[in-house]
Amino acid sequence: MADNIRGLTVEIGADASSFNKEMSSMRKAAQASQTELNASN
């Protein structure tokens, strides 16, 4: 079941593995960006 709330798609279910993978990917990208920002200072 998915509801669209103000442009955000929310899937409600017991399987959160894809969400966890995406969050892990986002964290890695944010860490890489932070590392680049720190190196430029």
Protein backbone atom coordinates (compact mmCIF):
# COMPACT_ATOMS: atom_id res chain seq x y z
CA MET A 1 0.00 0.00 0.00
CA ALA A 2 1.44 3.38 -0.94
CA ASP A 3 0.04 6.82 -0.22
CA ASN A 4 1.23 9.99 -1.90
CA ILE A 5 1.56 12.79 0.69
CA ARG A 6 2.75 16.20 -0.57
CA GLY A 7 5.05 14.66 -3.16
CA LEU A 8 6.42 11.99 -0.80
CA THR A 9 5.63 8.37 -1.53
CA VAL A 10 5.29 6.30 1.62
CA GLU A 11 5.20 2.52 1.42
CA ILE A 12 3.82 0.80 4.48
CA GLY A 13 4.84 -2.81 4.89
CA ALA A 14 7.06 -5.22 6.79
CA ASP A 15 9.89 -5.18 4.24
CA ALA A 16 12.15 -2.20 4.85
CA SER A 17 15.25 -3.61 3.17
CA SER A 18 15.02 -1.32 0.13
CA PHE A 19 14.53 1.69 2.42
CA ASN A 20 17.57 0.66 4.48
CA LYS A 21 19.67 0.25 1.33
CA GLU A 22 18.67 3.68 0.05
CA MET A 23 19.37 5.32 3.42
CA SER A 24 22.78 3.63 3.53
CA SER A 25 23.52 4.92 0.04
CA MET A 26 22.45 8.44 1.01
CA ARG A 27 24.62 8.35 4.14
CA LYS A 28 27.65 7.30 2.10
CA ALA A 29 27.04 10.09 -0.41
CA ALA A 30 26.66 12.64 2.41
CA GLN A 31 29.88 11.44 4.05
CA ALA A 32 31.74 11.69 0.74
CA SER A 33 30.43 15.24 0.23
CA GLN A 34 31.44 16.21 3.77
CA THR A 35 34.91 14.76 3.21
CA GLU A 36 35.27 16.81 0.02
CA LEU A 37 34.10 19.96 1.78
CA ASN A 38 36.53 19.41 4.64
CA ALA A 39 39.40 18.84 2.22
CA SER A 40 38.71 22.10 0.42
CA ASN A 41 38.98 24.18 3.63
